[in-house]
mmCIF file of all heavy atoms, coordinates in Angstrom:
data_MODEL
# 
_entry.id   MODEL 
# 
loop_
_atom_site.group_PDB 
_atom_site.id 
_atom_site.type_symbol 
_atom_site.label_atom_id 
_atom_site.label_alt_id 
_atom_site.label_comp_id 
_atom_site.label_asym_id 
_atom_site.label_entity_id 
_atom_site.label_seq_id 
_atom_site.pdbx_PDB_ins_code 
_atom_site.Cartn_x 
_atom_site.Cartn_y 
_atom_site.Cartn_z 
_atom_site.occupancy 
_atom_site.B_iso_or_equiv 
_atom_site.pdbx_formal_charge 
_atom_site.auth_seq_id 
_atom_site.auth_comp_id 
_atom_site.auth_asym_id 
_atom_site.auth_atom_id 
_atom_site.pdbx_PDB_model_num 
ATOM 1   N N   . GLY A 1 1  ? 4.202  9.040   -14.706 1.00 0.00 ? 1  GLY A N   1 
ATOM 2   C CA  . GLY A 1 1  ? 4.878  8.583   -15.919 1.00 0.00 ? 1  GLY A CA  1 
ATOM 3   C C   . GLY A 1 1  ? 4.547  9.422   -17.132 1.00 0.00 ? 1  GLY A C   1 
ATOM 4   O O   . GLY A 1 1  ? 3.849  8.967   -18.026 1.00 0.00 ? 1  GLY A O   1 
ATOM 5   N N   . ILE A 1 2  ? 5.043  10.658  -17.156 1.00 0.00 ? 2  ILE A N   1 
ATOM 6   C CA  . ILE A 1 2  ? 4.817  11.547  -18.290 1.00 0.00 ? 2  ILE A CA  1 
ATOM 7   C C   . ILE A 1 2  ? 6.153  11.907  -18.934 1.00 0.00 ? 2  ILE A C   1 
ATOM 8   O O   . ILE A 1 2  ? 7.215  11.716  -18.341 1.00 0.00 ? 2  ILE A O   1 
ATOM 9   C CB  . ILE A 1 2  ? 4.056  12.830  -17.889 1.00 0.00 ? 2  ILE A CB  1 
ATOM 10  C CG1 . ILE A 1 2  ? 4.873  13.661  -16.915 1.00 0.00 ? 2  ILE A CG1 1 
ATOM 11  C CG2 . ILE A 1 2  ? 2.696  12.493  -17.313 1.00 0.00 ? 2  ILE A CG2 1 
ATOM 12  C CD1 . ILE A 1 2  ? 4.298  15.033  -16.656 1.00 0.00 ? 2  ILE A CD1 1 
ATOM 13  N N   . THR A 1 3  ? 6.078  12.433  -20.127 1.00 0.00 ? 3  THR A N   1 
ATOM 14  C CA  . THR A 1 3  ? 7.266  12.853  -20.858 1.00 0.00 ? 3  THR A CA  1 
ATOM 15  C C   . THR A 1 3  ? 8.143  13.728  -19.977 1.00 0.00 ? 3  THR A C   1 
ATOM 16  O O   . THR A 1 3  ? 7.636  14.558  -19.226 1.00 0.00 ? 3  THR A O   1 
ATOM 17  C CB  . THR A 1 3  ? 6.839  13.661  -22.107 1.00 0.00 ? 3  THR A CB  1 
ATOM 18  O OG1 . THR A 1 3  ? 5.880  12.903  -22.824 1.00 0.00 ? 3  THR A OG1 1 
ATOM 19  C CG2 . THR A 1 3  ? 8.021  13.969  -23.005 1.00 0.00 ? 3  THR A CG2 1 
ATOM 20  N N   . ASP A 1 4  ? 9.438  13.566  -20.058 1.00 0.00 ? 4  ASP A N   1 
ATOM 21  C CA  . ASP A 1 4  ? 10.470 14.333  -19.338 1.00 0.00 ? 4  ASP A CA  1 
ATOM 22  C C   . ASP A 1 4  ? 10.624 13.930  -17.878 1.00 0.00 ? 4  ASP A C   1 
ATOM 23  O O   . ASP A 1 4  ? 11.466 14.485  -17.186 1.00 0.00 ? 4  ASP A O   1 
ATOM 24  C CB  . ASP A 1 4  ? 10.204 15.854  -19.392 1.00 0.00 ? 4  ASP A CB  1 
ATOM 25  C CG  . ASP A 1 4  ? 10.109 16.383  -20.793 1.00 0.00 ? 4  ASP A CG  1 
ATOM 26  O OD1 . ASP A 1 4  ? 10.915 15.947  -21.632 1.00 0.00 ? 4  ASP A OD1 1 
ATOM 27  O OD2 . ASP A 1 4  ? 9.224  17.215  -21.058 1.00 0.00 ? 4  ASP A OD2 1 
ATOM 28  N N   . ASN A 1 5  ? 9.848  12.990  -17.380 1.00 0.00 ? 5  ASN A N   1 
ATOM 29  C CA  . ASN A 1 5  ? 9.929  12.637  -15.964 1.00 0.00 ? 5  ASN A CA  1 
ATOM 30  C C   . ASN A 1 5  ? 10.649 11.315  -15.720 1.00 0.00 ? 5  ASN A C   1 
ATOM 31  O O   . ASN A 1 5  ? 10.642 10.806  -14.603 1.00 0.00 ? 5  ASN A O   1 
ATOM 32  C CB  . ASN A 1 5  ? 8.524  12.614  -15.338 1.00 0.00 ? 5  ASN A CB  1 
ATOM 33  C CG  . ASN A 1 5  ? 8.566  12.767  -13.843 1.00 0.00 ? 5  ASN A CG  1 
ATOM 34  O OD1 . ASN A 1 5  ? 9.500  13.318  -13.283 1.00 0.00 ? 5  ASN A OD1 1 
ATOM 35  N ND2 . ASN A 1 5  ? 7.536  12.271  -13.184 1.00 0.00 ? 5  ASN A ND2 1 
ATOM 36  N N   . SER A 1 6  ? 11.285 10.748  -16.722 1.00 0.00 ? 6  SER A N   1 
ATOM 37  C CA  . SER A 1 6  ? 11.977 9.461   -16.560 1.00 0.00 ? 6  SER A CA  1 
ATOM 38  C C   . SER A 1 6  ? 13.016 9.469   -15.442 1.00 0.00 ? 6  SER A C   1 
ATOM 39  O O   . SER A 1 6  ? 13.088 8.505   -14.675 1.00 0.00 ? 6  SER A O   1 
ATOM 40  C CB  . SER A 1 6  ? 12.655 9.038   -17.864 1.00 0.00 ? 6  SER A CB  1 
ATOM 41  O OG  . SER A 1 6  ? 11.690 8.740   -18.817 1.00 0.00 ? 6  SER A OG  1 
ATOM 42  N N   . PRO A 1 7  ? 13.839 10.522  -15.307 1.00 0.00 ? 7  PRO A N   1 
ATOM 43  C CA  . PRO A 1 7  ? 14.829 10.497  -14.218 1.00 0.00 ? 7  PRO A CA  1 
ATOM 44  C C   . PRO A 1 7  ? 14.200 10.379  -12.828 1.00 0.00 ? 7  PRO A C   1 
ATOM 45  O O   . PRO A 1 7  ? 14.707 9.646   -11.976 1.00 0.00 ? 7  PRO A O   1 
ATOM 46  C CB  . PRO A 1 7  ? 15.576 11.830  -14.364 1.00 0.00 ? 7  PRO A CB  1 
ATOM 47  C CG  . PRO A 1 7  ? 15.383 12.220  -15.785 1.00 0.00 ? 7  PRO A CG  1 
ATOM 48  C CD  . PRO A 1 7  ? 14.030 11.696  -16.165 1.00 0.00 ? 7  PRO A CD  1 
ATOM 49  N N   . MET A 1 8  ? 13.092 11.064  -12.610 1.00 0.00 ? 8  MET A N   1 
ATOM 50  C CA  . MET A 1 8  ? 12.442 10.990  -11.298 1.00 0.00 ? 8  MET A CA  1 
ATOM 51  C C   . MET A 1 8  ? 11.773 9.630   -11.073 1.00 0.00 ? 8  MET A C   1 
ATOM 52  O O   . MET A 1 8  ? 11.760 9.126   -9.950  1.00 0.00 ? 8  MET A O   1 
ATOM 53  C CB  . MET A 1 8  ? 11.418 12.116  -11.136 1.00 0.00 ? 8  MET A CB  1 
ATOM 54  C CG  . MET A 1 8  ? 12.032 13.495  -11.041 1.00 0.00 ? 8  MET A CG  1 
ATOM 55  S SD  . MET A 1 8  ? 13.161 13.711  -9.649  1.00 0.00 ? 8  MET A SD  1 
ATOM 56  C CE  . MET A 1 8  ? 12.027 13.867  -8.297  1.00 0.00 ? 8  MET A CE  1 
ATOM 57  N N   . LEU A 1 9  ? 11.258 9.013   -12.128 1.00 0.00 ? 9  LEU A N   1 
ATOM 58  C CA  . LEU A 1 9  ? 10.681 7.669   -12.000 1.00 0.00 ? 9  LEU A CA  1 
ATOM 59  C C   . LEU A 1 9  ? 11.772 6.657   -11.652 1.00 0.00 ? 9  LEU A C   1 
ATOM 60  O O   . LEU A 1 9  ? 11.583 5.803   -10.784 1.00 0.00 ? 9  LEU A O   1 
ATOM 61  C CB  . LEU A 1 9  ? 9.981  7.251   -13.285 1.00 0.00 ? 9  LEU A CB  1 
ATOM 62  C CG  . LEU A 1 9  ? 8.711  7.991   -13.677 1.00 0.00 ? 9  LEU A CG  1 
ATOM 63  C CD1 . LEU A 1 9  ? 8.186  7.460   -15.002 1.00 0.00 ? 9  LEU A CD1 1 
ATOM 64  C CD2 . LEU A 1 9  ? 7.661  7.906   -12.607 1.00 0.00 ? 9  LEU A CD2 1 
ATOM 65  N N   . SER A 1 10 ? 12.912 6.773   -12.328 1.00 0.00 ? 10 SER A N   1 
ATOM 66  C CA  . SER A 1 10 ? 14.033 5.866   -12.056 1.00 0.00 ? 10 SER A CA  1 
ATOM 67  C C   . SER A 1 10 ? 14.548 6.056   -10.634 1.00 0.00 ? 10 SER A C   1 
ATOM 68  O O   . SER A 1 10 ? 14.889 5.087   -9.948  1.00 0.00 ? 10 SER A O   1 
ATOM 69  C CB  . SER A 1 10 ? 15.165 6.106   -13.049 1.00 0.00 ? 10 SER A CB  1 
ATOM 70  O OG  . SER A 1 10 ? 14.727 5.802   -14.344 1.00 0.00 ? 10 SER A OG  1 
ATOM 71  N N   . ARG A 1 11 ? 14.583 7.293   -10.211 1.00 0.00 ? 11 ARG A N   1 
ATOM 72  C CA  . ARG A 1 11 ? 15.031 7.585   -8.844  1.00 0.00 ? 11 ARG A CA  1 
ATOM 73  C C   . ARG A 1 11 ? 14.072 6.973   -7.829  1.00 0.00 ? 11 ARG A C   1 
ATOM 74  O O   . ARG A 1 11 ? 14.502 6.435   -6.808  1.00 0.00 ? 11 ARG A O   1 
ATOM 75  C CB  . ARG A 1 11 ? 15.137 9.097   -8.660  1.00 0.00 ? 11 ARG A CB  1 
ATOM 76  C CG  . ARG A 1 11 ? 15.748 9.506   -7.371  1.00 0.00 ? 11 ARG A CG  1 
ATOM 77  C CD  . ARG A 1 11 ? 16.015 10.990  -7.351  1.00 0.00 ? 11 ARG A CD  1 
ATOM 78  N NE  . ARG A 1 11 ? 16.172 11.416  -5.977  1.00 0.00 ? 11 ARG A NE  1 
ATOM 79  C CZ  . ARG A 1 11 ? 15.956 12.623  -5.530  1.00 0.00 ? 11 ARG A CZ  1 
ATOM 80  N NH1 . ARG A 1 11 ? 15.573 13.573  -6.365  1.00 0.00 ? 11 ARG A NH1 1 
ATOM 81  N NH2 . ARG A 1 11 ? 16.110 12.925  -4.277  1.00 0.00 ? 11 ARG A NH2 1 
ATOM 82  N N   . TYR A 1 12 ? 12.769 7.058   -8.108  1.00 0.00 ? 12 TYR A N   1 
ATOM 83  C CA  . TYR A 1 12 ? 11.782 6.453   -7.210  1.00 0.00 ? 12 TYR A CA  1 
ATOM 84  C C   . TYR A 1 12 ? 11.993 4.953   -7.138  1.00 0.00 ? 12 TYR A C   1 
ATOM 85  O O   . TYR A 1 12 ? 12.008 4.374   -6.046  1.00 0.00 ? 12 TYR A O   1 
ATOM 86  C CB  . TYR A 1 12 ? 10.361 6.777   -7.691  1.00 0.00 ? 12 TYR A CB  1 
ATOM 87  C CG  . TYR A 1 12 ? 9.293  6.259   -6.765  1.00 0.00 ? 12 TYR A CG  1 
ATOM 88  C CD1 . TYR A 1 12 ? 9.019  6.896   -5.567  1.00 0.00 ? 12 TYR A CD1 1 
ATOM 89  C CD2 . TYR A 1 12 ? 8.563  5.126   -7.086  1.00 0.00 ? 12 TYR A CD2 1 
ATOM 90  C CE1 . TYR A 1 12 ? 8.038  6.421   -4.707  1.00 0.00 ? 12 TYR A CE1 1 
ATOM 91  C CE2 . TYR A 1 12 ? 7.584  4.643   -6.234  1.00 0.00 ? 12 TYR A CE2 1 
ATOM 92  C CZ  . TYR A 1 12 ? 7.333  5.295   -5.047  1.00 0.00 ? 12 TYR A CZ  1 
ATOM 93  O OH  . TYR A 1 12 ? 6.371  4.815   -4.198  1.00 0.00 ? 12 TYR A OH  1 
ATOM 94  N N   . TRP A 1 13 ? 12.164 4.293   -8.273  1.00 0.00 ? 13 TRP A N   1 
ATOM 95  C CA  . TRP A 1 13 ? 12.387 2.845   -8.294  1.00 0.00 ? 13 TRP A CA  1 
ATOM 96  C C   . TRP A 1 13 ? 13.626 2.495   -7.467  1.00 0.00 ? 13 TRP A C   1 
ATOM 97  O O   . TRP A 1 13 ? 13.604 1.560   -6.668  1.00 0.00 ? 13 TRP A O   1 
ATOM 98  C CB  . TRP A 1 13 ? 12.552 2.357   -9.730  1.00 0.00 ? 13 TRP A CB  1 
ATOM 99  C CG  . TRP A 1 13 ? 12.730 0.879   -9.830  1.00 0.00 ? 13 TRP A CG  1 
ATOM 100 C CD1 . TRP A 1 13 ? 11.746 -0.064  -9.914  1.00 0.00 ? 13 TRP A CD1 1 
ATOM 101 C CD2 . TRP A 1 13 ? 13.963 0.162   -9.833  1.00 0.00 ? 13 TRP A CD2 1 
ATOM 102 N NE1 . TRP A 1 13 ? 12.298 -1.320  -9.978  1.00 0.00 ? 13 TRP A NE1 1 
ATOM 103 C CE2 . TRP A 1 13 ? 13.652 -1.213  -9.929  1.00 0.00 ? 13 TRP A CE2 1 
ATOM 104 C CE3 . TRP A 1 13 ? 15.300 0.528   -9.763  1.00 0.00 ? 13 TRP A CE3 1 
ATOM 105 C CZ2 . TRP A 1 13 ? 14.626 -2.201  -9.945  1.00 0.00 ? 13 TRP A CZ2 1 
ATOM 106 C CZ3 . TRP A 1 13 ? 16.273 -0.457  -9.784  1.00 0.00 ? 13 TRP A CZ3 1 
ATOM 107 C CH2 . TRP A 1 13 ? 15.930 -1.807  -9.877  1.00 0.00 ? 13 TRP A CH2 1 
ATOM 108 N N   . TYR A 1 14 ? 14.696 3.256   -7.652  1.00 0.00 ? 14 TYR A N   1 
ATOM 109 C CA  . TYR A 1 14 ? 15.944 3.004   -6.928  1.00 0.00 ? 14 TYR A CA  1 
ATOM 110 C C   . TYR A 1 14 ? 15.742 3.169   -5.424  1.00 0.00 ? 14 TYR A C   1 
ATOM 111 O O   . TYR A 1 14 ? 16.191 2.335   -4.626  1.00 0.00 ? 14 TYR A O   1 
ATOM 112 C CB  . TYR A 1 14 ? 17.034 3.949   -7.440  1.00 0.00 ? 14 TYR A CB  1 
ATOM 113 C CG  . TYR A 1 14 ? 18.335 3.830   -6.697  1.00 0.00 ? 14 TYR A CG  1 
ATOM 114 C CD1 . TYR A 1 14 ? 19.143 2.703   -6.852  1.00 0.00 ? 14 TYR A CD1 1 
ATOM 115 C CD2 . TYR A 1 14 ? 18.751 4.825   -5.823  1.00 0.00 ? 14 TYR A CD2 1 
ATOM 116 C CE1 . TYR A 1 14 ? 20.336 2.578   -6.159  1.00 0.00 ? 14 TYR A CE1 1 
ATOM 117 C CE2 . TYR A 1 14 ? 19.942 4.716   -5.130  1.00 0.00 ? 14 TYR A CE2 1 
ATOM 118 C CZ  . TYR A 1 14 ? 20.725 3.591   -5.294  1.00 0.00 ? 14 TYR A CZ  1 
ATOM 119 O OH  . TYR A 1 14 ? 21.901 3.471   -4.601  1.00 0.00 ? 14 TYR A OH  1 
ATOM 120 N N   . GLU A 1 15 ? 15.060 4.225   -4.993  1.00 0.00 ? 15 GLU A N   1 
ATOM 121 C CA  . GLU A 1 15 ? 14.822 4.471   -3.571  1.00 0.00 ? 15 GLU A CA  1 
ATOM 122 C C   . GLU A 1 15 ? 13.963 3.359   -2.964  1.00 0.00 ? 15 GLU A C   1 
ATOM 123 O O   . GLU A 1 15 ? 14.208 2.931   -1.836  1.00 0.00 ? 15 GLU A O   1 
ATOM 124 C CB  . GLU A 1 15 ? 14.166 5.837   -3.352  1.00 0.00 ? 15 GLU A CB  1 
ATOM 125 C CG  . GLU A 1 15 ? 15.048 7.019   -3.691  1.00 0.00 ? 15 GLU A CG  1 
ATOM 126 C CD  . GLU A 1 15 ? 16.276 7.153   -2.813  1.00 0.00 ? 15 GLU A CD  1 
ATOM 127 O OE1 . GLU A 1 15 ? 16.224 6.751   -1.629  1.00 0.00 ? 15 GLU A OE1 1 
ATOM 128 O OE2 . GLU A 1 15 ? 17.300 7.653   -3.308  1.00 0.00 ? 15 GLU A OE2 1 
ATOM 129 N N   . VAL A 1 16 ? 12.969 2.890   -3.700  1.00 0.00 ? 16 VAL A N   1 
ATOM 130 C CA  . VAL A 1 16 ? 12.113 1.807   -3.200  1.00 0.00 ? 16 VAL A CA  1 
ATOM 131 C C   . VAL A 1 16 ? 12.929 0.527   -3.045  1.00 0.00 ? 16 VAL A C   1 
ATOM 132 O O   . VAL A 1 16 ? 12.797 -0.180  -2.038  1.00 0.00 ? 16 VAL A O   1 
ATOM 133 C CB  . VAL A 1 16 ? 10.885 1.592   -4.108  1.00 0.00 ? 16 VAL A CB  1 
ATOM 134 C CG1 . VAL A 1 16 ? 10.147 0.301   -3.772  1.00 0.00 ? 16 VAL A CG1 1 
ATOM 135 C CG2 . VAL A 1 16 ? 9.942  2.783   -4.000  1.00 0.00 ? 16 VAL A CG2 1 
ATOM 136 N N   . THR A 1 17 ? 13.784 0.215   -4.003  1.00 0.00 ? 17 THR A N   1 
ATOM 137 C CA  . THR A 1 17 ? 14.600 -1.003  -3.881  1.00 0.00 ? 17 THR A CA  1 
ATOM 138 C C   . THR A 1 17 ? 15.570 -0.886  -2.708  1.00 0.00 ? 17 THR A C   1 
ATOM 139 O O   . THR A 1 17 ? 15.805 -1.870  -2.006  1.00 0.00 ? 17 THR A O   1 
ATOM 140 C CB  . THR A 1 17 ? 15.370 -1.322  -5.178  1.00 0.00 ? 17 THR A CB  1 
ATOM 141 O OG1 . THR A 1 17 ? 16.144 -0.208  -5.573  1.00 0.00 ? 17 THR A OG1 1 
ATOM 142 C CG2 . THR A 1 17 ? 14.432 -1.721  -6.290  1.00 0.00 ? 17 THR A CG2 1 
ATOM 143 N N   . LYS A 1 18 ? 16.128 0.297   -2.481  1.00 0.00 ? 18 LYS A N   1 
ATOM 144 C CA  . LYS A 1 18 ? 17.002 0.494   -1.309  1.00 0.00 ? 18 LYS A CA  1 
ATOM 145 C C   . LYS A 1 18 ? 16.234 0.271   -0.013  1.00 0.00 ? 18 LYS A C   1 
ATOM 146 O O   . LYS A 1 18 ? 16.742 -0.366  0.913   1.00 0.00 ? 18 LYS A O   1 
ATOM 147 C CB  . LYS A 1 18 ? 17.602 1.910   -1.311  1.00 0.00 ? 18 LYS A CB  1 
ATOM 148 C CG  . LYS A 1 18 ? 18.831 2.059   -2.148  1.00 0.00 ? 18 LYS A CG  1 
ATOM 149 C CD  . LYS A 1 18 ? 19.526 3.399   -2.072  1.00 0.00 ? 18 LYS A CD  1 
ATOM 150 C CE  . LYS A 1 18 ? 19.073 4.391   -1.060  1.00 0.00 ? 18 LYS A CE  1 
ATOM 151 N NZ  . LYS A 1 18 ? 19.725 5.704   -1.166  1.00 0.00 ? 18 LYS A NZ  1 
ATOM 152 N N   . LEU A 1 19 ? 15.016 0.804   0.066   1.00 0.00 ? 19 LEU A N   1 
ATOM 153 C CA  . LEU A 1 19 ? 14.191 0.611   1.261   1.00 0.00 ? 19 LEU A CA  1 
ATOM 154 C C   . LEU A 1 19 ? 13.862 -0.864  1.468   1.00 0.00 ? 19 LEU A C   1 
ATOM 155 O O   . LEU A 1 19 ? 13.910 -1.373  2.589   1.00 0.00 ? 19 LEU A O   1 
ATOM 156 C CB  . LEU A 1 19 ? 12.892 1.412   1.151   1.00 0.00 ? 19 LEU A CB  1 
ATOM 157 C CG  . LEU A 1 19 ? 12.995 2.912   1.311   1.00 0.00 ? 19 LEU A CG  1 
ATOM 158 C CD1 . LEU A 1 19 ? 11.678 3.580   0.937   1.00 0.00 ? 19 LEU A CD1 1 
ATOM 159 C CD2 . LEU A 1 19 ? 13.371 3.269   2.744   1.00 0.00 ? 19 LEU A CD2 1 
ATOM 160 N N   . LEU A 1 20 ? 13.532 -1.526  0.387   1.00 0.00 ? 20 LEU A N   1 
ATOM 161 C CA  . LEU A 1 20 ? 13.212 -2.947  0.467   1.00 0.00 ? 20 LEU A CA  1 
ATOM 162 C C   . LEU A 1 20 ? 14.414 -3.744  0.981   1.00 0.00 ? 20 LEU A C   1 
ATOM 163 O O   . LEU A 1 20 ? 14.278 -4.582  1.873   1.00 0.00 ? 20 LEU A O   1 
ATOM 164 C CB  . LEU A 1 20 ? 12.781 -3.437  -0.917  1.00 0.00 ? 20 LEU A CB  1 
ATOM 165 C CG  . LEU A 1 20 ? 12.071 -4.765  -1.017  1.00 0.00 ? 20 LEU A CG  1 
ATOM 166 C CD1 . LEU A 1 20 ? 10.841 -4.798  -0.130  1.00 0.00 ? 20 LEU A CD1 1 
ATOM 167 C CD2 . LEU A 1 20 ? 11.672 -5.019  -2.458  1.00 0.00 ? 20 LEU A CD2 1 
ATOM 168 N N   . PHE A 1 21 ? 15.582 -3.461  0.447   1.00 0.00 ? 21 PHE A N   1 
ATOM 169 C CA  . PHE A 1 21 ? 16.814 -4.115  0.890   1.00 0.00 ? 21 PHE A CA  1 
ATOM 170 C C   . PHE A 1 21 ? 17.050 -3.871  2.378   1.00 0.00 ? 21 PHE A C   1 
ATOM 171 O O   . PHE A 1 21 ? 17.330 -4.786  3.144   1.00 0.00 ? 21 PHE A O   1 
ATOM 172 C CB  . PHE A 1 21 ? 17.995 -3.605  0.060   1.00 0.00 ? 21 PHE A CB  1 
ATOM 173 C CG  . PHE A 1 21 ? 19.325 -4.136  0.485   1.00 0.00 ? 21 PHE A CG  1 
ATOM 174 C CD1 . PHE A 1 21 ? 19.684 -5.443  0.204   1.00 0.00 ? 21 PHE A CD1 1 
ATOM 175 C CD2 . PHE A 1 21 ? 20.233 -3.329  1.157   1.00 0.00 ? 21 PHE A CD2 1 
ATOM 176 C CE1 . PHE A 1 21 ? 20.923 -5.944  0.592   1.00 0.00 ? 21 PHE A CE1 1 
ATOM 177 C CE2 . PHE A 1 21 ? 21.465 -3.816  1.550   1.00 0.00 ? 21 PHE A CE2 1 
ATOM 178 C CZ  . PHE A 1 21 ? 21.811 -5.126  1.269   1.00 0.00 ? 21 PHE A CZ  1 
ATOM 179 N N   . LYS A 1 22 ? 16.896 -2.620  2.797   1.00 0.00 ? 22 LYS A N   1 
ATOM 180 C CA  . LYS A 1 22 ? 17.123 -2.247  4.198   1.00 0.00 ? 22 LYS A CA  1 
ATOM 181 C C   . LYS A 1 22 ? 16.175 -2.996  5.133   1.00 0.00 ? 22 LYS A C   1 
ATOM 182 O O   . LYS A 1 22 ? 16.604 -3.589  6.125   1.00 0.00 ? 22 LYS A O   1 
ATOM 183 C CB  . LYS A 1 22 ? 16.918 -0.740  4.367   1.00 0.00 ? 22 LYS A CB  1 
ATOM 184 C CG  . LYS A 1 22 ? 16.942 -0.258  5.793   1.00 0.00 ? 22 LYS A CG  1 
ATOM 185 C CD  . LYS A 1 22 ? 16.598 1.213   5.863   1.00 0.00 ? 22 LYS A CD  1 
ATOM 186 C CE  . LYS A 1 22 ? 16.450 1.681   7.298   1.00 0.00 ? 22 LYS A CE  1 
ATOM 187 N NZ  . LYS A 1 22 ? 16.110 3.098   7.368   1.00 0.00 ? 22 LYS A NZ  1 
ATOM 188 N N   . TRP A 1 23 ? 14.870 -2.980  4.814   1.00 0.00 ? 23 TRP A N   1 
ATOM 189 C CA  . TRP A 1 23 ? 13.904 -3.560  5.742   1.00 0.00 ? 23 TRP A CA  1 
ATOM 190 C C   . TRP A 1 23 ? 13.865 -5.080  5.682   1.00 0.00 ? 23 TRP A C   1 
ATOM 191 O O   . TRP A 1 23 ? 13.521 -5.729  6.681   1.00 0.00 ? 23 TRP A O   1 
ATOM 192 C CB  . TRP A 1 23 ? 12.532 -2.936  5.546   1.00 0.00 ? 23 TRP A CB  1 
ATOM 193 C CG  . TRP A 1 23 ? 12.545 -1.539  6.066   1.00 0.00 ? 23 TRP A CG  1 
ATOM 194 C CD1 . TRP A 1 23 ? 12.583 -0.385  5.342   1.00 0.00 ? 23 TRP A CD1 1 
ATOM 195 C CD2 . TRP A 1 23 ? 12.610 -1.135  7.433   1.00 0.00 ? 23 TRP A CD2 1 
ATOM 196 N NE1 . TRP A 1 23 ? 12.656 0.710   6.169   1.00 0.00 ? 23 TRP A NE1 1 
ATOM 197 C CE2 . TRP A 1 23 ? 12.667 0.271   7.470   1.00 0.00 ? 23 TRP A CE2 1 
ATOM 198 C CE3 . TRP A 1 23 ? 12.620 -1.824  8.652   1.00 0.00 ? 23 TRP A CE3 1 
ATOM 199 C CZ2 . TRP A 1 23 ? 12.743 0.984   8.660   1.00 0.00 ? 23 TRP A CZ2 1 
ATOM 200 C CZ3 . TRP A 1 23 ? 12.681 -1.106  9.829   1.00 0.00 ? 23 TRP A CZ3 1 
ATOM 201 C CH2 . TRP A 1 23 ? 12.739 0.278   9.827   1.00 0.00 ? 23 TRP A CH2 1 
ATOM 202 N N   . LEU A 1 24 ? 14.231 -5.673  4.568   1.00 0.00 ? 24 LEU A N   1 
ATOM 203 C CA  . LEU A 1 24 ? 14.342 -7.138  4.536   1.00 0.00 ? 24 LEU A CA  1 
ATOM 204 C C   . LEU A 1 24 ? 15.510 -7.600  5.397   1.00 0.00 ? 24 LEU A C   1 
ATOM 205 O O   . LEU A 1 24 ? 15.461 -8.668  6.003   1.00 0.00 ? 24 LEU A O   1 
ATOM 206 C CB  . LEU A 1 24 ? 14.503 -7.640  3.098   1.00 0.00 ? 24 LEU A CB  1 
ATOM 207 C CG  . LEU A 1 24 ? 13.250 -7.622  2.235   1.00 0.00 ? 24 LEU A CG  1 
ATOM 208 C CD1 . LEU A 1 24 ? 13.571 -8.078  0.822   1.00 0.00 ? 24 LEU A CD1 1 
ATOM 209 C CD2 . LEU A 1 24 ? 12.137 -8.463  2.841   1.00 0.00 ? 24 LEU A CD2 1 
ATOM 210 N N   . ASN A 1 25 ? 16.548 -6.804  5.462   1.00 0.00 ? 25 ASN A N   1 
ATOM 211 C CA  . ASN A 1 25 ? 17.700 -7.147  6.303   1.00 0.00 ? 25 ASN A CA  1 
ATOM 212 C C   . ASN A 1 25 ? 17.439 -6.878  7.779   1.00 0.00 ? 25 ASN A C   1 
ATOM 213 O O   . ASN A 1 25 ? 18.233 -7.288  8.620   1.00 0.00 ? 25 ASN A O   1 
ATOM 214 C CB  . ASN A 1 25 ? 18.951 -6.399  5.841   1.00 0.00 ? 25 ASN A CB  1 
ATOM 215 C CG  . ASN A 1 25 ? 19.647 -7.130  4.725   1.00 0.00 ? 25 ASN A CG  1 
ATOM 216 O OD1 . ASN A 1 25 ? 19.677 -8.361  4.720   1.00 0.00 ? 25 ASN A OD1 1 
ATOM 217 N ND2 . ASN A 1 25 ? 20.165 -6.394  3.775   1.00 0.00 ? 25 ASN A ND2 1 
ATOM 218 N N   . ARG A 1 26 ? 16.373 -6.222  8.113   1.00 0.00 ? 26 ARG A N   1 
ATOM 219 C CA  . ARG A 1 26 ? 16.054 -5.968  9.523   1.00 0.00 ? 26 ARG A CA  1 
ATOM 220 C C   . ARG A 1 26 ? 15.037 -6.970  10.052  1.00 0.00 ? 26 ARG A C   1 
ATOM 221 O O   . ARG A 1 26 ? 14.489 -6.787  11.129  1.00 0.00 ? 26 ARG A O   1 
ATOM 222 C CB  . ARG A 1 26 ? 15.523 -4.552  9.703   1.00 0.00 ? 26 ARG A CB  1 
ATOM 223 C CG  . ARG A 1 26 ? 16.606 -3.538  9.469   1.00 0.00 ? 26 ARG A CG  1 
ATOM 224 C CD  . ARG A 1 26 ? 16.218 -2.219  9.981   1.00 0.00 ? 26 ARG A CD  1 
ATOM 225 N NE  . ARG A 1 26 ? 17.354 -1.313  9.868   1.00 0.00 ? 26 ARG A NE  1 
ATOM 226 C CZ  . ARG A 1 26 ? 17.334 -0.094  10.306  1.00 0.00 ? 26 ARG A CZ  1 
ATOM 227 N NH1 . ARG A 1 26 ? 16.266 0.396   10.874  1.00 0.00 ? 26 ARG A NH1 1 
ATOM 228 N NH2 . ARG A 1 26 ? 18.388 0.673   10.169  1.00 0.00 ? 26 ARG A NH2 1 
ATOM 229 N N   . ARG A 1 27 ? 14.796 -8.009  9.306   1.00 0.00 ? 27 ARG A N   1 
ATOM 230 C CA  . ARG A 1 27 ? 13.840 -9.027  9.748   1.00 0.00 ? 27 ARG A CA  1 
ATOM 231 C C   . ARG A 1 27 ? 14.444 -9.920  10.823  1.00 0.00 ? 27 ARG A C   1 
ATOM 232 O O   . ARG A 1 27 ? 13.735 -10.532 11.594  1.00 0.00 ? 27 ARG A O   1 
ATOM 233 C CB  . ARG A 1 27 ? 13.390 -9.873  8.566   1.00 0.00 ? 27 ARG A CB  1 
ATOM 234 C CG  . ARG A 1 27 ? 12.474 -9.115  7.633   1.00 0.00 ? 27 ARG A CG  1 
ATOM 235 C CD  . ARG A 1 27 ? 12.393 -9.714  6.251   1.00 0.00 ? 27 ARG A CD  1 
ATOM 236 N NE  . ARG A 1 27 ? 12.011 -11.100 6.188   1.00 0.00 ? 27 ARG A NE  1 
ATOM 237 C CZ  . ARG A 1 27 ? 10.937 -11.554 5.578   1.00 0.00 ? 27 ARG A CZ  1 
ATOM 238 N NH1 . ARG A 1 27 ? 10.114 -10.717 4.982   1.00 0.00 ? 27 ARG A NH1 1 
ATOM 239 N NH2 . ARG A 1 27 ? 10.673 -12.829 5.533   1.00 0.00 ? 27 ARG A NH2 1 
ATOM 240 N N   . SER A 1 28 ? 15.751 -10.006 10.848  1.00 0.00 ? 28 SER A N   1 
ATOM 241 C CA  . SER A 1 28 ? 16.419 -10.809 11.874  1.00 0.00 ? 28 SER A CA  1 
ATOM 242 C C   . SER A 1 28 ? 17.669 -10.054 12.318  1.00 0.00 ? 28 SER A C   1 
ATOM 243 O O   . SER A 1 28 ? 17.996 -9.001  11.778  1.00 0.00 ? 28 SER A O   1 
ATOM 244 C CB  . SER A 1 28 ? 16.796 -12.185 11.319  1.00 0.00 ? 28 SER A CB  1 
ATOM 245 O OG  . SER A 1 28 ? 17.766 -12.045 10.313  1.00 0.00 ? 28 SER A OG  1 
# 
């Protein structure tokens, strides 16, 4: 979380939420 890195932080958050969505849907 340093200056100029906001786009990469947002991208990380988005990728983590996508992974969470994917693996929660694979529980059943």
